[in-house]
Amino acid sequence: MRLFAAISLDDEVRGSLAAVGDELRRRSTGGTFTLPENLHLTLAFLGECNQQQLVAIQGAMDATSFDPFELRIEGVGCFKRSNPRSGDVWWAGVRKNESLLQLQADLVRQLRDAGFELERRKYKPHVTLGRQIIMNERFAHGGLLGVSILQRIHCFELMQSERIADRLTYTSLHRVQAREIFV
């Protein structure tokens, strides 16, 4: 099983980001664009895991607690590839959010304590809109940077990535809810 922990986005947010992806598609000469139903915010990539590891991941997730918080997705940018002919990874950014950073750090700590080797590079929260995108030079970023979308975060999930009928599909295997806050 190819697994990752992520925050799923609600339908309205995915719809708004899909519209940005459509605009990127119109402004590009090629690439692979993320399906609207697959738009998400990755917290930790785990890669190929077996059933025993799945149980350990679920335990680590359950040991990670957090309060609900609001997340603002804003702006669009790209990770440049060294070979321009390979295209770039385009993404929607996430405004700096201490609650998100704490959740991600706590989850990673729990996963490492459970024996998982995870990337050591600094976490850069983003929602991938497409890969191998080659932009039409005339358009680049114009008109896309003003994206600003708010979502309330109340859970995160363990997702399985697999190809079903030649379509990349993400399936939720486990969900952790935020602590309830009583006012």
N, C-alpha and C. Protein backbone atom coordinates (compact mmCIF):
# COMPACT_ATOMS: atom_id res chain seq x y z
N MET A 1 0.84 -1.19 0.00
CA MET A 1 0.00 0.00 0.00
C MET A 1 0.88 1.25 0.00
N ARG A 2 0.58 2.19 -0.87
CA ARG A 2 1.30 3.47 -0.91
C ARG A 2 0.48 4.46 -0.08
N LEU A 3 1.07 4.95 1.04
CA LEU A 3 0.31 5.71 2.02
C LEU A 3 0.88 7.09 2.28
N PHE A 4 -0.01 7.99 2.67
CA PHE A 4 0.39 9.32 3.14
C PHE A 4 -0.68 9.84 4.08
N ALA A 5 -0.28 10.71 5.01
CA ALA A 5 -1.22 11.36 5.93
C ALA A 5 -1.49 12.75 5.36
N ALA A 6 -2.76 13.15 5.39
CA ALA A 6 -3.12 14.41 4.74
C ALA A 6 -4.37 15.03 5.37
N ILE A 7 -4.52 16.30 5.07
CA ILE A 7 -5.76 17.01 5.37
C ILE A 7 -6.55 17.04 4.07
N SER A 8 -7.75 16.48 4.11
CA SER A 8 -8.63 16.52 2.95
C SER A 8 -9.29 17.89 2.89
N LEU A 9 -9.59 18.31 1.70
CA LEU A 9 -10.21 19.61 1.49
C LEU A 9 -11.69 19.42 1.19
N ASP A 10 -12.50 20.38 1.63
CA ASP A 10 -13.94 20.24 1.39
C ASP A 10 -14.26 20.54 -0.08
N ASP A 11 -15.48 20.21 -0.48
CA ASP A 11 -15.87 20.32 -1.89
C ASP A 11 -15.73 21.74 -2.43
N GLU A 12 -16.09 22.73 -1.63
CA GLU A 12 -16.01 24.13 -2.09
C GLU A 12 -14.56 24.54 -2.34
N VAL A 13 -13.68 24.17 -1.43
CA VAL A 13 -12.26 24.50 -1.58
C VAL A 13 -11.69 23.77 -2.79
N ARG A 14 -12.00 22.48 -2.93
CA ARG A 14 -11.51 21.73 -4.10
C ARG A 14 -12.02 22.34 -5.39
N GLY A 15 -13.28 22.80 -5.39
CA GLY A 15 -13.83 23.44 -6.59
C GLY A 15 -13.08 24.70 -6.95
N SER A 16 -12.76 25.52 -5.94
CA SER A 16 -12.01 26.75 -6.19
C SER A 16 -10.61 26.45 -6.71
N LEU A 17 -9.96 25.45 -6.11
CA LEU A 17 -8.62 25.09 -6.56
C LEU A 17 -8.64 24.42 -7.93
N ALA A 18 -9.69 23.68 -8.23
CA ALA A 18 -9.82 23.07 -9.56
C ALA A 18 -9.93 24.17 -10.62
N ALA A 19 -10.61 25.27 -10.29
CA ALA A 19 -10.71 26.39 -11.23
C ALA A 19 -9.33 27.00 -11.48
N VAL A 20 -8.50 27.07 -10.44
CA VAL A 20 -7.13 27.56 -10.62
C VAL A 20 -6.35 26.58 -11.50
N GLY A 21 -6.54 25.27 -11.26
CA GLY A 21 -5.90 24.27 -12.09
C GLY A 21 -6.32 24.38 -13.54
N ASP A 22 -7.61 24.68 -13.77
CA ASP A 22 -8.09 24.86 -15.15
C ASP A 22 -7.41 26.06 -15.81
N GLU A 23 -7.22 27.13 -15.03
CA GLU A 23 -6.53 28.31 -15.56
C GLU A 23 -5.08 27.98 -15.88
N LEU A 24 -4.43 27.21 -15.01
CA LEU A 24 -3.06 26.77 -15.30
C LEU A 24 -3.03 25.95 -16.58
N ARG A 25 -4.00 25.08 -16.75
CA ARG A 25 -4.06 24.25 -17.95
C ARG A 25 -4.17 25.12 -19.20
N ARG A 26 -5.02 26.16 -19.13
CA ARG A 26 -5.18 27.06 -20.28
C ARG A 26 -3.89 27.83 -20.59
N ARG A 27 -3.11 28.11 -19.56
CA ARG A 27 -1.89 28.90 -19.73
C ARG A 27 -0.65 28.05 -20.00
N SER A 28 -0.82 26.73 -20.03
CA SER A 28 0.34 25.85 -20.19
C SER A 28 0.34 25.19 -21.56
N THR A 29 1.48 24.61 -21.86
CA THR A 29 1.59 23.84 -23.10
C THR A 29 1.59 22.34 -22.80
N GLY A 30 1.47 21.97 -21.54
CA GLY A 30 1.42 20.56 -21.19
C GLY A 30 1.62 20.34 -19.72
N GLY A 31 1.33 19.12 -19.28
CA GLY A 31 1.50 18.75 -17.88
C GLY A 31 0.44 17.76 -17.44
N THR A 32 0.56 17.33 -16.18
CA THR A 32 -0.41 16.44 -15.56
C THR A 32 -1.04 17.21 -14.41
N PHE A 33 -2.35 17.40 -14.46
CA PHE A 33 -3.05 18.20 -13.48
C PHE A 33 -3.77 17.32 -12.48
N THR A 34 -3.76 17.75 -11.21
CA THR A 34 -4.39 16.99 -10.14
C THR A 34 -5.90 16.98 -10.32
N LEU A 35 -6.48 15.80 -10.23
CA LEU A 35 -7.94 15.68 -10.30
C LEU A 35 -8.55 16.40 -9.10
N PRO A 36 -9.67 17.09 -9.27
CA PRO A 36 -10.27 17.82 -8.15
C PRO A 36 -10.47 16.97 -6.90
N GLU A 37 -10.91 15.73 -7.07
CA GLU A 37 -11.16 14.87 -5.90
C GLU A 37 -9.88 14.45 -5.20
N ASN A 38 -8.72 14.65 -5.82
CA ASN A 38 -7.44 14.28 -5.22
C ASN A 38 -6.71 15.45 -4.58
N LEU A 39 -7.24 16.66 -4.64
CA LEU A 39 -6.58 17.81 -4.03
C LEU A 39 -6.57 17.65 -2.51
N HIS A 40 -5.40 17.83 -1.90
CA HIS A 40 -5.24 17.63 -0.46
C HIS A 40 -3.97 18.36 0.00
N LEU A 41 -3.79 18.40 1.30
CA LEU A 41 -2.59 18.98 1.91
C LEU A 41 -1.85 17.86 2.64
N THR A 42 -0.72 17.44 2.10
CA THR A 42 0.05 16.34 2.69
C THR A 42 0.69 16.78 4.00
N LEU A 43 0.59 15.91 5.01
CA LEU A 43 1.28 16.12 6.29
C LEU A 43 2.54 15.27 6.37
N ALA A 44 2.46 14.03 5.87
CA ALA A 44 3.61 13.12 5.91
C ALA A 44 3.44 12.06 4.83
N PHE A 45 4.49 11.87 4.03
CA PHE A 45 4.47 10.81 3.02
C PHE A 45 5.15 9.59 3.61
N LEU A 46 4.47 8.44 3.54
CA LEU A 46 4.99 7.21 4.13
C LEU A 46 5.48 6.20 3.10
N GLY A 47 5.00 6.30 1.88
CA GLY A 47 5.42 5.39 0.82
C GLY A 47 4.78 4.01 0.95
N GLU A 48 5.48 3.01 0.43
CA GLU A 48 4.96 1.64 0.44
C GLU A 48 5.00 1.06 1.85
N CYS A 49 3.86 0.58 2.33
CA CYS A 49 3.74 0.03 3.69
C CYS A 49 2.97 -1.28 3.65
N ASN A 50 3.26 -2.14 4.63
CA ASN A 50 2.54 -3.41 4.75
C ASN A 50 1.46 -3.29 5.85
N GLN A 51 0.74 -4.37 6.08
CA GLN A 51 -0.36 -4.35 7.04
C GLN A 51 0.12 -4.04 8.46
N GLN A 52 1.26 -4.58 8.85
CA GLN A 52 1.81 -4.32 10.19
C GLN A 52 2.16 -2.84 10.34
N GLN A 53 2.74 -2.25 9.31
CA GLN A 53 3.06 -0.82 9.35
C GLN A 53 1.79 0.02 9.38
N LEU A 54 0.76 -0.42 8.67
CA LEU A 54 -0.52 0.28 8.68
C LEU A 54 -1.05 0.42 10.10
N VAL A 55 -0.98 -0.64 10.87
CA VAL A 55 -1.45 -0.61 12.27
C VAL A 55 -0.60 0.37 13.08
N ALA A 56 0.71 0.37 12.86
CA ALA A 56 1.60 1.30 13.58
C ALA A 56 1.31 2.75 13.20
N ILE A 57 1.02 3.00 11.93
CA ILE A 57 0.69 4.36 11.48
C ILE A 57 -0.60 4.83 12.14
N GLN A 58 -1.61 3.96 12.17
CA GLN A 58 -2.88 4.32 12.80
C GLN A 58 -2.67 4.65 14.28
N GLY A 59 -1.82 3.89 14.95
CA GLY A 59 -1.52 4.16 16.36
C GLY A 59 -0.84 5.51 16.54
N ALA A 60 0.11 5.81 15.67
CA ALA A 60 0.81 7.10 15.73
C ALA A 60 -0.15 8.25 15.46
N MET A 61 -1.05 8.05 14.50
CA MET A 61 -2.03 9.09 14.21
C MET A 61 -2.95 9.31 15.41
N ASP A 62 -3.41 8.23 16.01
CA ASP A 62 -4.32 8.33 17.16
C ASP A 62 -3.66 9.01 18.35
N ALA A 63 -2.34 8.93 18.44
CA ALA A 63 -1.60 9.57 19.54
C ALA A 63 -1.35 11.05 19.27
N THR A 64 -1.73 11.52 18.09
CA THR A 64 -1.54 12.92 17.70
C THR A 64 -2.85 13.66 17.91
N SER A 65 -2.85 14.58 18.88
CA SER A 65 -4.09 15.33 19.13
C SER A 65 -3.89 16.79 18.75
N PHE A 66 -5.00 17.43 18.38
CA PHE A 66 -4.94 18.83 17.98
C PHE A 66 -6.32 19.45 18.13
N ASP A 67 -6.33 20.76 18.23
CA ASP A 67 -7.57 21.52 18.28
C ASP A 67 -7.96 21.92 16.86
N PRO A 68 -9.26 22.08 16.57
CA PRO A 68 -9.65 22.57 15.25
C PRO A 68 -8.99 23.92 14.97
N PHE A 69 -8.74 24.21 13.71
CA PHE A 69 -8.15 25.49 13.34
C PHE A 69 -8.57 25.86 11.93
N GLU A 70 -8.35 27.12 11.59
CA GLU A 70 -8.64 27.59 10.24
C GLU A 70 -7.35 27.66 9.44
N LEU A 71 -7.46 27.31 8.17
CA LEU A 71 -6.32 27.27 7.27
C LEU A 71 -6.64 28.16 6.08
N ARG A 72 -5.70 29.02 5.71
CA ARG A 72 -5.90 29.85 4.53
C ARG A 72 -4.96 29.40 3.43
N ILE A 73 -5.55 29.01 2.31
CA ILE A 73 -4.80 28.63 1.11
C ILE A 73 -4.75 29.89 0.26
N GLU A 74 -3.52 30.32 -0.06
CA GLU A 74 -3.41 31.57 -0.82
C GLU A 74 -2.18 31.57 -1.71
N GLY A 75 -2.35 32.20 -2.84
CA GLY A 75 -1.25 32.34 -3.79
C GLY A 75 -0.96 31.06 -4.54
N VAL A 76 -0.28 31.22 -5.64
CA VAL A 76 0.10 30.09 -6.49
C VAL A 76 1.58 30.26 -6.82
N GLY A 77 2.29 29.15 -6.85
CA GLY A 77 3.70 29.19 -7.21
C GLY A 77 4.14 27.87 -7.78
N CYS A 78 5.44 27.72 -7.96
CA CYS A 78 5.93 26.45 -8.52
C CYS A 78 7.30 26.11 -7.95
N PHE A 79 7.56 24.81 -7.93
CA PHE A 79 8.89 24.29 -7.65
C PHE A 79 9.51 24.05 -9.01
N LYS A 80 10.56 24.78 -9.31
CA LYS A 80 11.22 24.68 -10.61
C LYS A 80 12.04 23.40 -10.69
N ARG A 81 11.97 22.76 -11.81
CA ARG A 81 12.78 21.59 -12.09
C ARG A 81 14.08 22.04 -12.71
N SER A 82 15.14 21.25 -12.55
CA SER A 82 16.44 21.62 -13.12
C SER A 82 16.41 21.58 -14.65
N ASN A 83 15.59 20.70 -15.21
CA ASN A 83 15.46 20.62 -16.67
C ASN A 83 14.13 21.28 -17.06
N PRO A 84 14.15 22.46 -17.65
CA PRO A 84 12.91 23.17 -17.99
C PRO A 84 11.98 22.37 -18.89
N ARG A 85 12.53 21.46 -19.69
CA ARG A 85 11.68 20.65 -20.57
C ARG A 85 10.88 19.60 -19.80
N SER A 86 11.26 19.35 -18.53
CA SER A 86 10.53 18.39 -17.70
C SER A 86 9.29 19.02 -17.08
N GLY A 87 9.19 20.33 -17.14
CA GLY A 87 8.06 21.02 -16.52
C GLY A 87 8.26 21.18 -15.03
N ASP A 88 7.40 21.96 -14.41
CA ASP A 88 7.51 22.28 -12.99
C ASP A 88 6.31 21.75 -12.22
N VAL A 89 6.46 21.70 -10.89
CA VAL A 89 5.34 21.35 -10.01
C VAL A 89 4.69 22.65 -9.57
N TRP A 90 3.42 22.83 -9.92
CA TRP A 90 2.67 24.04 -9.54
C TRP A 90 1.78 23.73 -8.35
N TRP A 91 1.67 24.70 -7.46
CA TRP A 91 0.95 24.49 -6.21
C TRP A 91 0.22 25.75 -5.76
N ALA A 92 -0.76 25.54 -4.87
CA ALA A 92 -1.40 26.64 -4.14
C ALA A 92 -0.74 26.65 -2.77
N GLY A 93 -0.36 27.83 -2.31
CA GLY A 93 0.36 27.95 -1.05
C GLY A 93 -0.57 27.96 0.14
N VAL A 94 0.03 27.87 1.33
CA VAL A 94 -0.71 27.91 2.59
C VAL A 94 -0.08 29.00 3.45
N ARG A 95 -0.92 29.93 3.92
CA ARG A 95 -0.42 30.98 4.80
C ARG A 95 0.16 30.34 6.07
N LYS A 96 1.26 30.91 6.56
CA LYS A 96 1.90 30.37 7.77
C LYS A 96 0.85 30.21 8.86
N ASN A 97 0.85 29.01 9.46
CA ASN A 97 -0.18 28.66 10.43
C ASN A 97 0.45 27.79 11.50
N GLU A 98 0.58 28.33 12.69
CA GLU A 98 1.25 27.60 13.79
C GLU A 98 0.51 26.32 14.15
N SER A 99 -0.81 26.32 14.09
CA SER A 99 -1.57 25.10 14.42
C SER A 99 -1.26 23.99 13.42
N LEU A 100 -1.19 24.33 12.14
CA LEU A 100 -0.84 23.34 11.12
C LEU A 100 0.58 22.82 11.33
N LEU A 101 1.52 23.73 11.56
CA LEU A 101 2.91 23.32 11.74
C LEU A 101 3.06 22.43 12.97
N GLN A 102 2.33 22.73 14.05
CA GLN A 102 2.38 21.92 15.26
C GLN A 102 1.79 20.54 15.01
N LEU A 103 0.64 20.49 14.32
CA LEU A 103 0.02 19.20 13.99
C LEU A 103 0.99 18.35 13.17
N GLN A 104 1.58 18.93 12.15
CA GLN A 104 2.49 18.18 11.28
C GLN A 104 3.72 17.70 12.07
N ALA A 105 4.29 18.57 12.90
CA ALA A 105 5.47 18.19 13.69
C ALA A 105 5.13 17.09 14.69
N ASP A 106 3.98 17.19 15.35
CA ASP A 106 3.56 16.15 16.31
C ASP A 106 3.35 14.82 15.61
N LEU A 107 2.69 14.85 14.45
CA LEU A 107 2.46 13.62 13.71
C LEU A 107 3.78 12.98 13.28
N VAL A 108 4.67 13.77 12.74
CA VAL A 108 5.98 13.25 12.31
C VAL A 108 6.74 12.66 13.50
N ARG A 109 6.70 13.32 14.64
CA ARG A 109 7.37 12.80 15.83
C ARG A 109 6.78 11.44 16.23
N GLN A 110 5.46 11.33 16.23
CA GLN A 110 4.80 10.06 16.57
C GLN A 110 5.18 8.96 15.57
N LEU A 111 5.21 9.31 14.29
CA LEU A 111 5.57 8.33 13.27
C LEU A 111 7.03 7.88 13.41
N ARG A 112 7.92 8.82 13.68
CA ARG A 112 9.33 8.45 13.89
C ARG A 112 9.49 7.57 15.12
N ASP A 113 8.77 7.91 16.19
CA ASP A 113 8.80 7.09 17.41
C ASP A 113 8.30 5.67 17.13
N ALA A 114 7.41 5.54 16.15
CA ALA A 114 6.88 4.22 15.77
C ALA A 114 7.82 3.50 14.80
N GLY A 115 8.96 4.13 14.45
CA GLY A 115 9.96 3.47 13.63
C GLY A 115 9.99 3.84 12.16
N PHE A 116 9.26 4.87 11.76
CA PHE A 116 9.22 5.25 10.36
C PHE A 116 10.32 6.26 10.04
N GLU A 117 10.99 6.04 8.91
CA GLU A 117 11.99 6.98 8.41
C GLU A 117 11.27 7.95 7.48
N LEU A 118 11.24 9.22 7.83
CA LEU A 118 10.57 10.23 7.03
C LEU A 118 11.57 11.25 6.54
N GLU A 119 11.16 12.01 5.52
CA GLU A 119 12.03 13.05 4.99
C GLU A 119 12.45 14.00 6.11
N ARG A 120 13.66 14.53 6.01
CA ARG A 120 14.17 15.46 7.02
C ARG A 120 14.08 16.92 6.57
N ARG A 121 13.71 17.15 5.31
CA ARG A 121 13.67 18.54 4.84
C ARG A 121 12.51 19.29 5.51
N LYS A 122 12.66 20.61 5.53
CA LYS A 122 11.68 21.47 6.17
C LYS A 122 10.31 21.32 5.49
N TYR A 123 9.27 21.26 6.30
CA TYR A 123 7.90 21.11 5.80
C TYR A 123 7.47 22.41 5.12
N LYS A 124 7.02 22.28 3.88
CA LYS A 124 6.52 23.42 3.11
C LYS A 124 5.09 23.11 2.68
N PRO A 125 4.11 23.48 3.51
CA PRO A 125 2.73 23.12 3.19
C PRO A 125 2.25 23.75 1.89
N HIS A 126 1.64 22.91 1.06
CA HIS A 126 1.11 23.36 -0.23
C HIS A 126 0.13 22.32 -0.75
N VAL A 127 -0.68 22.72 -1.69
CA VAL A 127 -1.61 21.81 -2.37
C VAL A 127 -1.13 21.71 -3.81
N THR A 128 -0.71 20.53 -4.23
CA THR A 128 -0.18 20.34 -5.59
C THR A 128 -1.32 20.43 -6.60
N LEU A 129 -1.17 21.35 -7.55
CA LEU A 129 -2.17 21.54 -8.61
C LEU A 129 -1.81 20.76 -9.87
N GLY A 130 -0.51 20.54 -10.08
CA GLY A 130 -0.09 19.79 -11.25
C GLY A 130 1.41 19.56 -11.28
N ARG A 131 1.81 18.59 -12.05
CA ARG A 131 3.22 18.23 -12.19
C ARG A 131 3.61 18.26 -13.67
N GLN A 132 4.89 18.44 -13.90
CA GLN A 132 5.44 18.46 -15.26
C GLN A 132 4.73 19.50 -16.12
N ILE A 133 4.38 20.63 -15.50
CA ILE A 133 3.67 21.68 -16.21
C ILE A 133 4.67 22.60 -16.90
N ILE A 134 4.47 22.78 -18.18
CA ILE A 134 5.29 23.70 -18.97
C ILE A 134 4.40 24.89 -19.30
N MET A 135 4.73 26.04 -18.71
CA MET A 135 3.90 27.22 -18.89
C MET A 135 4.24 27.94 -20.18
N ASN A 136 3.21 28.52 -20.78
CA ASN A 136 3.38 29.40 -21.92
C ASN A 136 4.10 30.64 -21.37
N GLU A 137 5.25 30.98 -21.89
CA GLU A 137 6.07 32.07 -21.35
C GLU A 137 5.31 33.38 -21.19
N ARG A 138 4.34 33.64 -22.02
CA ARG A 138 3.63 34.92 -21.95
C ARG A 138 2.80 35.06 -20.68
N PHE A 139 2.44 33.95 -20.01
CA PHE A 139 1.47 34.03 -18.92
C PHE A 139 2.04 33.85 -17.53
N ALA A 140 2.96 32.97 -17.33
CA ALA A 140 3.56 32.68 -16.02
C ALA A 140 2.55 32.80 -14.88
N HIS A 141 2.74 33.76 -13.92
CA HIS A 141 1.89 33.86 -12.73
C HIS A 141 0.70 34.80 -12.87
N GLY A 142 0.69 35.65 -13.84
CA GLY A 142 -0.31 36.72 -13.92
C GLY A 142 -1.73 36.29 -13.63
N GLY A 143 -2.39 36.94 -12.67
CA GLY A 143 -3.78 36.69 -12.34
C GLY A 143 -4.03 35.53 -11.41
N LEU A 144 -3.02 34.71 -11.10
CA LEU A 144 -3.23 33.54 -10.25
C LEU A 144 -2.85 33.78 -8.80
N LEU A 145 -2.01 34.77 -8.55
CA LEU A 145 -1.49 34.96 -7.20
C LEU A 145 -2.54 35.43 -6.21
N GLY A 146 -3.67 35.96 -6.67
CA GLY A 146 -4.69 36.48 -5.78
C GLY A 146 -5.57 35.42 -5.13
N VAL A 147 -5.31 34.15 -5.34
CA VAL A 147 -6.12 33.08 -4.76
C VAL A 147 -6.06 33.17 -3.23
N SER A 148 -7.23 33.12 -2.58
CA SER A 148 -7.30 33.12 -1.12
C SER A 148 -8.56 32.37 -0.70
N ILE A 149 -8.38 31.22 -0.06
CA ILE A 149 -9.48 30.33 0.31
C ILE A 149 -9.30 29.91 1.76
N LEU A 150 -10.39 29.95 2.52
CA LEU A 150 -10.35 29.58 3.94
C LEU A 150 -11.06 28.26 4.16
N GLN A 151 -10.46 27.39 4.99
CA GLN A 151 -11.13 26.14 5.38
C GLN A 151 -10.88 25.85 6.84
N ARG A 152 -11.91 25.38 7.53
CA ARG A 152 -11.80 24.95 8.92
C ARG A 152 -11.29 23.51 8.92
N ILE A 153 -10.27 23.23 9.71
CA ILE A 153 -9.67 21.90 9.78
C ILE A 153 -10.11 21.23 11.07
N HIS A 154 -10.75 20.09 10.93
CA HIS A 154 -11.25 19.37 12.10
C HIS A 154 -10.83 17.90 12.10
N CYS A 155 -10.06 17.49 11.08
CA CYS A 155 -9.56 16.11 11.05
C CYS A 155 -8.40 16.00 10.07
N PHE A 156 -7.69 14.89 10.17
CA PHE A 156 -6.71 14.52 9.14
C PHE A 156 -6.85 13.02 8.91
N GLU A 157 -6.32 12.55 7.77
CA GLU A 157 -6.59 11.19 7.37
C GLU A 157 -5.35 10.47 6.86
N LEU A 158 -5.40 9.16 6.93
CA LEU A 158 -4.41 8.31 6.29
C LEU A 158 -5.00 7.92 4.94
N MET A 159 -4.27 8.21 3.89
CA MET A 159 -4.76 7.99 2.54
C MET A 159 -3.92 6.91 1.84
N GLN A 160 -4.60 6.09 1.05
CA GLN A 160 -3.93 5.13 0.19
C GLN A 160 -4.02 5.64 -1.24
N SER A 161 -2.89 5.63 -1.92
CA SER A 161 -2.82 6.05 -3.31
C SER A 161 -2.69 4.81 -4.18
N GLU A 162 -3.61 4.67 -5.14
CA GLU A 162 -3.55 3.52 -6.04
C GLU A 162 -4.17 3.87 -7.38
N ARG A 163 -3.79 3.12 -8.40
CA ARG A 163 -4.38 3.29 -9.73
C ARG A 163 -5.55 2.31 -9.85
N ILE A 164 -6.71 2.87 -10.13
CA ILE A 164 -7.91 2.06 -10.36
C ILE A 164 -8.43 2.45 -11.73
N ALA A 165 -8.52 1.48 -12.62
CA ALA A 165 -8.96 1.73 -14.00
C ALA A 165 -8.15 2.87 -14.62
N ASP A 166 -6.82 2.82 -14.41
CA ASP A 166 -5.88 3.79 -14.97
C ASP A 166 -6.12 5.22 -14.48
N ARG A 167 -6.73 5.35 -13.30
CA ARG A 167 -7.00 6.67 -12.71
C ARG A 167 -6.43 6.68 -11.29
N LEU A 168 -5.60 7.69 -10.97
CA LEU A 168 -5.04 7.81 -9.63
C LEU A 168 -6.18 8.09 -8.65
N THR A 169 -6.30 7.24 -7.64
CA THR A 169 -7.40 7.34 -6.68
C THR A 169 -6.83 7.33 -5.27
N TYR A 170 -7.34 8.23 -4.43
CA TYR A 170 -6.96 8.28 -3.02
C TYR A 170 -8.15 7.81 -2.18
N THR A 171 -7.87 6.87 -1.28
CA THR A 171 -8.90 6.31 -0.42
C THR A 171 -8.51 6.52 1.02
N SER A 172 -9.43 7.03 1.82
CA SER A 172 -9.18 7.24 3.25
C SER A 172 -9.25 5.90 3.98
N LEU A 173 -8.18 5.59 4.74
CA LEU A 173 -8.13 4.35 5.51
C LEU A 173 -8.33 4.57 7.00
N HIS A 174 -8.07 5.80 7.46
CA HIS A 174 -8.16 6.09 8.90
C HIS A 174 -8.31 7.60 9.06
N ARG A 175 -9.10 8.02 10.03
CA ARG A 175 -9.35 9.45 10.27
C ARG A 175 -9.16 9.76 11.75
N VAL A 176 -8.53 10.90 12.02
CA VAL A 176 -8.36 11.40 13.39
C VAL A 176 -9.07 12.74 13.49
N GLN A 177 -9.99 12.83 14.42
CA GLN A 177 -10.76 14.06 14.65
C GLN A 177 -10.02 14.98 15.62
N ALA A 178 -10.22 16.28 15.45
CA ALA A 178 -9.68 17.27 16.40
C ALA A 178 -10.40 17.11 17.74
N ARG A 179 -9.74 17.58 18.78
CA ARG A 179 -10.39 17.60 20.10
C ARG A 179 -11.60 18.53 20.02
N GLU A 180 -12.61 18.21 20.76
CA GLU A 180 -13.77 19.11 20.83
C GLU A 180 -13.45 20.25 21.77
N ILE A 181 -13.82 21.44 21.34
CA ILE A 181 -13.61 22.62 22.17
C ILE A 181 -14.98 23.16 22.58
N PHE A 182 -15.18 23.29 23.87
CA PHE A 182 -16.45 23.81 24.36
C PHE A 182 -16.27 25.25 24.78
N VAL A 183 -17.13 26.09 24.28
CA VAL A 183 -17.04 27.52 24.59
C VAL A 183 -18.12 27.88 25.58
